[in-house]
């Protein structure tokens, strides 16, 4: 088994928690600050200034608000990239067994046999979910490597015009399902590293959409529907990233 140090998986889970708070709290507060700053800038009026001077001051305040928001977003994106990279690095480290040649060959042999048994069940009519539910760790490793290709092979692309809209099945959903099942079989620290990556996969797409919406607000490219557009995009991203049953 690979060795994952305590600080690694603790840091990965801390990074996921930080990203969750970024979306739930920090970006909400940033949107509020930016909205308040825009409102202040656009309603600013000093009775001691001329209309022209007031207009210049309003423009300066709005520009300052945009620059501050852009700087905040730059920082948040840097932190998001760093946290996501940390989680993936820890998960990749956990997923890479440190085995000698003989141990590696034995593992590959066990997994090949496990796949043969799993494929027999699938060919006999068991659903992928049923096979996953009853699988041990070797079988789950084998399913992760082989099942996406097996399922894709079950779908024949229609010939001619009927095949114009054909899309290959997305392996991400079945891999997510298998990885969730692996959590119950892995050693504690490996499971913690994998769980952190799965949690990251669930929250990151919506977080990125929210960041993109705020970036449009800050750089002046947003239209009147930007808030709703951003919220809908984040919601769809959440739904696409949510766990699915095979």
Protein backbone atom coordinates (compact mmCIF):
# COMPACT_ATOMS: atom_id res chain seq x y z
CA UNK A 1 0.00 0.00 0.00
CA UNK A 2 1.17 3.58 -0.60
CA UNK A 3 2.11 5.52 2.48
CA UNK A 4 0.17 8.74 2.98
CA UNK A 5 1.37 10.87 5.83
CA UNK A 6 -1.16 12.31 8.24
CA UNK A 7 -0.40 15.93 7.36
CA UNK A 8 -1.00 15.19 3.66
CA UNK A 9 -4.57 14.01 3.95
CA UNK A 10 -5.36 16.48 6.73
CA UNK A 11 -4.12 19.31 4.52
CA UNK A 12 -6.20 17.97 1.61
CA UNK A 13 -9.36 17.96 3.69
CA UNK A 14 -8.55 21.42 5.01
CA UNK A 15 -8.14 22.62 1.42
CA UNK A 16 -11.57 21.25 0.47
CA UNK A 17 -13.13 22.90 3.50
CA UNK A 18 -11.47 26.17 2.55
CA UNK A 19 -12.88 25.99 -0.98
CA UNK A 20 -16.34 25.27 0.39
CA UNK A 21 -16.14 28.36 2.59
CA UNK A 22 -14.80 30.39 -0.32
CA UNK A 23 -17.93 29.69 -2.30
CA UNK A 24 -20.44 29.87 0.54
CA UNK A 25 -19.03 32.91 2.31
CA UNK A 26 -16.13 34.71 0.67
CA UNK A 27 -17.62 35.05 -2.82
CA UNK A 28 -21.01 36.04 -1.40
CA UNK A 29 -19.34 38.79 0.62
CA UNK A 30 -17.29 39.89 -2.38
CA UNK A 31 -20.43 40.21 -4.51
CA UNK A 32 -22.08 42.26 -1.76
CA UNK A 33 -19.07 44.56 -1.38
CA UNK A 34 -18.88 45.10 -5.11
CA UNK A 35 -22.60 45.84 -5.36
CA UNK A 36 -22.39 48.29 -2.46
CA UNK A 37 -19.34 49.97 -3.97
CA UNK A 38 -21.08 50.35 -7.34
CA UNK A 39 -24.16 51.76 -5.65
CA UNK A 40 -22.05 54.26 -3.71
CA UNK A 41 -20.14 55.28 -6.82
CA UNK A 42 -23.22 55.78 -8.97
CA UNK A 43 -25.11 57.82 -6.37
CA UNK A 44 -22.15 59.86 -5.19
CA UNK A 45 -22.72 63.60 -5.16
CA UNK A 46 -20.79 66.29 -3.33
CA UNK A 47 -22.74 69.56 -3.29
CA UNK A 48 -19.45 71.47 -3.14
CA UNK A 49 -18.33 70.03 -6.48
CA UNK A 50 -19.43 70.89 -9.97
CA UNK A 51 -21.45 68.35 -11.93
CA UNK A 52 -18.40 67.62 -14.04
CA UNK A 53 -16.26 67.05 -10.94
CA UNK A 54 -18.95 64.84 -9.42
CA UNK A 55 -19.06 62.79 -12.62
CA UNK A 56 -15.28 62.35 -12.53
CA UNK A 57 -15.44 61.31 -8.89
CA UNK A 58 -18.17 58.76 -9.62
CA UNK A 59 -16.06 57.31 -12.41
CA UNK A 60 -13.02 57.15 -10.10
CA UNK A 61 -15.00 55.38 -7.39
CA UNK A 62 -16.39 52.84 -9.85
CA UNK A 63 -12.95 52.20 -11.31
CA UNK A 64 -11.51 51.71 -7.83
CA UNK A 65 -14.29 49.26 -6.98
CA UNK A 66 -13.58 47.24 -10.12
CA UNK A 67 -9.83 47.22 -9.47
CA UNK A 68 -10.31 46.07 -5.88
CA UNK A 69 -12.73 43.33 -6.93
CA UNK A 70 -10.35 42.19 -9.67
CA UNK A 71 -7.49 42.00 -7.16
CA UNK A 72 -9.68 40.02 -4.74
CA UNK A 73 -10.69 37.63 -7.52
CA UNK A 74 -7.08 37.17 -8.60
CA UNK A 75 -6.16 36.20 -5.04
CA UNK A 76 -9.13 33.84 -4.69
CA UNK A 77 -8.35 32.15 -8.00
CA UNK A 78 -4.72 31.67 -7.00
CA UNK A 79 -5.80 30.16 -3.69
CA UNK A 80 -8.37 27.97 -5.45
CA UNK A 81 -5.80 26.68 -7.93
CA UNK A 82 -3.33 25.96 -5.13
CA UNK A 83 -5.91 24.14 -3.00
CA UNK A 84 -7.21 22.07 -5.93
CA UNK A 85 -3.67 21.10 -6.95
CA UNK A 86 -2.88 20.03 -3.38
CA UNK A 87 -5.96 17.82 -3.16
CA UNK A 88 -5.23 16.15 -6.50
CA UNK A 89 -1.57 15.63 -5.64
CA UNK A 90 -2.45 13.92 -2.36
CA UNK A 91 -5.12 11.78 -4.06
CA UNK A 92 -2.73 10.77 -6.85
CA UNK A 93 -0.10 9.85 -4.28
CA UNK A 94 -2.64 7.73 -2.42
CA UNK A 95 -3.74 5.99 -5.62
CA UNK A 96 -0.23 4.95 -6.67
CA UNK A 97 0.77 1.74 -4.91
CA UNK A 98 4.42 1.47 -3.88
CA UNK A 99 4.89 -2.17 -4.92
CA UNK A 100 7.77 -4.35 -5.91
CA UNK A 101 7.68 -6.17 -9.26
CA UNK A 102 6.35 -9.42 -7.80
CA UNK A 103 3.68 -7.70 -5.73
CA UNK A 104 2.64 -5.63 -8.75
CA UNK A 105 2.29 -8.74 -10.92
CA UNK A 106 0.21 -10.46 -8.24
CA UNK A 107 -2.05 -7.41 -7.95
CA UNK A 108 -2.51 -7.30 -11.71
CA UNK A 109 -3.32 -11.01 -11.78
CA UNK A 110 -5.91 -10.64 -9.00
CA UNK A 111 -7.53 -7.71 -10.76
CA UNK A 112 -7.60 -9.51 -14.11
CA UNK A 113 -9.40 -12.43 -12.50
CA UNK A 114 -11.74 -10.05 -10.70
CA UNK A 115 -12.62 -8.38 -13.99
CA UNK A 116 -13.37 -11.72 -15.63
CA UNK A 117 -15.81 -12.55 -12.83
CA UNK A 118 -17.38 -9.07 -12.97
CA UNK A 119 -17.73 -9.20 -16.75
CA UNK A 120 -19.46 -12.58 -16.49
CA UNK A 121 -22.02 -11.03 -14.16
CA UNK A 122 -22.52 -8.07 -16.48
CA UNK A 123 -22.91 -10.36 -19.48
CA UNK A 124 -25.50 -12.33 -17.50
CA UNK A 125 -27.61 -9.21 -17.03
CA UNK A 126 -26.46 -7.73 -13.74
CA UNK A 127 -26.40 -3.93 -13.75
CA UNK A 128 -23.15 -2.06 -13.25
CA UNK A 129 -24.49 -0.76 -9.94
CA UNK A 130 -25.28 -4.27 -8.71
CA UNK A 131 -21.76 -5.43 -9.56
CA UNK A 132 -20.22 -2.38 -7.87
CA UNK A 133 -22.32 -2.88 -4.75
CA UNK A 134 -21.04 -6.44 -4.23
CA UNK A 135 -17.42 -5.82 -5.28
CA UNK A 136 -14.32 -6.16 -3.14
CA UNK A 137 -11.38 -3.79 -3.51
CA UNK A 138 -9.59 -5.80 -6.24
CA UNK A 139 -12.82 -5.92 -8.22
CA UNK A 140 -13.38 -2.19 -7.80
CA UNK A 141 -9.86 -1.50 -9.06
CA UNK A 142 -10.57 -3.74 -12.04
CA UNK A 143 -13.94 -2.11 -12.68
CA UNK A 144 -12.35 1.30 -12.62
CA UNK A 145 -9.92 0.24 -15.34
CA UNK A 146 -12.28 -1.78 -17.52
CA UNK A 147 -15.93 -0.87 -16.94
CA UNK A 148 -16.07 2.44 -18.88
CA UNK A 149 -14.83 0.70 -22.05
CA UNK A 150 -17.18 -2.24 -21.49
CA UNK A 151 -20.20 0.06 -21.12
CA UNK A 152 -19.19 2.12 -24.15
CA UNK A 153 -19.00 -1.07 -26.21
CA UNK A 154 -22.63 -1.83 -25.33
CA UNK A 155 -23.74 1.27 -27.22
CA UNK A 156 -23.57 0.94 -30.99
CA UNK A 157 -23.34 4.14 -32.96
CA UNK A 158 -26.25 4.31 -35.44
CA UNK A 159 -25.33 4.41 -39.09
CA UNK A 160 -25.88 7.38 -41.37
CA UNK A 161 -27.82 10.45 -40.30
CA UNK A 162 -29.15 8.67 -37.23
CA UNK A 163 -25.65 8.73 -35.80
CA UNK A 164 -25.18 12.48 -36.19
CA UNK A 165 -26.24 13.22 -32.63
CA UNK A 166 -24.58 10.18 -31.08
CA UNK A 167 -22.33 10.91 -28.12
CA UNK A 168 -20.03 8.53 -26.33
CA UNK A 169 -21.09 7.76 -22.74
CA UNK A 170 -19.36 9.96 -20.18
CA UNK A 171 -17.09 7.74 -18.05
CA UNK A 172 -16.93 10.34 -15.26
CA UNK A 173 -20.21 9.22 -13.70
CA UNK A 174 -19.38 5.54 -13.45
CA UNK A 175 -15.85 6.29 -12.23
CA UNK A 176 -17.32 8.53 -9.53
CA UNK A 177 -19.66 5.73 -8.46
CA UNK A 178 -16.78 3.25 -8.29
CA UNK A 179 -14.61 5.68 -6.34
CA UNK A 180 -17.38 6.27 -3.81
CA UNK A 181 -17.62 2.51 -3.35
CA UNK A 182 -13.84 2.26 -2.88
CA UNK A 183 -14.08 4.52 0.16
CA UNK A 184 -15.54 1.67 2.20
CA UNK A 185 -12.63 -0.66 1.38
CA UNK A 186 -9.51 1.52 1.47
CA UNK A 187 -7.31 2.10 4.54
CA UNK A 188 -8.30 5.18 6.51
CA UNK A 189 -5.74 7.62 5.15
CA UNK A 190 -6.12 6.50 1.54
CA UNK A 191 -9.89 6.81 1.87
CA UNK A 192 -9.51 10.30 3.34
CA UNK A 193 -7.36 11.38 0.38
CA UNK A 194 -9.83 9.95 -2.14
CA UNK A 195 -12.80 11.49 -0.32
CA UNK A 196 -11.14 14.90 -0.46
CA UNK A 197 -10.68 14.57 -4.23
CA UNK A 198 -14.28 13.45 -4.74
CA UNK A 199 -15.51 16.38 -2.65
CA UNK A 200 -13.31 18.69 -4.72
CA UNK A 201 -14.80 17.28 -7.93
CA UNK A 202 -18.26 18.05 -6.56
CA UNK A 203 -17.67 21.66 -5.54
CA UNK A 204 -15.07 22.98 -7.98
CA UNK A 205 -17.18 23.32 -11.18
CA UNK A 206 -19.81 25.47 -9.46
CA UNK A 207 -17.12 27.50 -7.74
CA UNK A 208 -15.47 28.21 -11.09
CA UNK A 209 -18.79 29.34 -12.59
CA UNK A 210 -19.37 31.67 -9.65
CA UNK A 211 -15.89 33.13 -10.05
CA UNK A 212 -16.51 33.66 -13.77
CA UNK A 213 -19.74 35.53 -13.06
CA UNK A 214 -18.04 37.81 -10.55
CA UNK A 215 -15.19 38.40 -12.97
CA UNK A 216 -17.69 39.71 -15.52
CA UNK A 217 -19.12 42.05 -12.88
CA UNK A 218 -15.66 43.32 -12.02
CA UNK A 219 -14.38 43.86 -15.57
CA UNK A 220 -17.56 45.50 -16.86
CA UNK A 221 -18.58 42.79 -19.33
CA UNK A 222 -21.65 41.68 -17.35
CA UNK A 223 -25.12 42.31 -18.74
CA UNK A 224 -28.32 42.81 -16.77
CA UNK A 225 -28.90 39.05 -16.54
CA UNK A 226 -25.41 38.21 -15.31
CA UNK A 227 -26.41 37.39 -11.72
CA UNK A 228 -29.13 34.98 -12.81
CA UNK A 229 -26.95 33.57 -15.59
CA UNK A 230 -24.12 32.92 -13.14
CA UNK A 231 -26.41 31.29 -10.58
CA UNK A 232 -27.97 29.00 -13.20
CA UNK A 233 -24.56 28.03 -14.60
CA UNK A 234 -23.29 27.20 -11.10
CA UNK A 235 -26.43 25.17 -10.40
CA UNK A 236 -26.05 23.16 -13.60
CA UNK A 237 -22.37 22.61 -12.78
CA UNK A 238 -23.36 21.31 -9.35
CA UNK A 239 -25.92 18.94 -10.87
CA UNK A 240 -23.42 17.61 -13.41
CA UNK A 241 -20.86 17.02 -10.67
CA UNK A 242 -23.29 15.41 -8.22
CA UNK A 243 -23.02 11.67 -7.50
CA UNK A 244 -24.94 9.53 -9.98
CA UNK A 245 -26.11 5.99 -9.76
CA UNK A 246 -24.71 3.69 -12.43
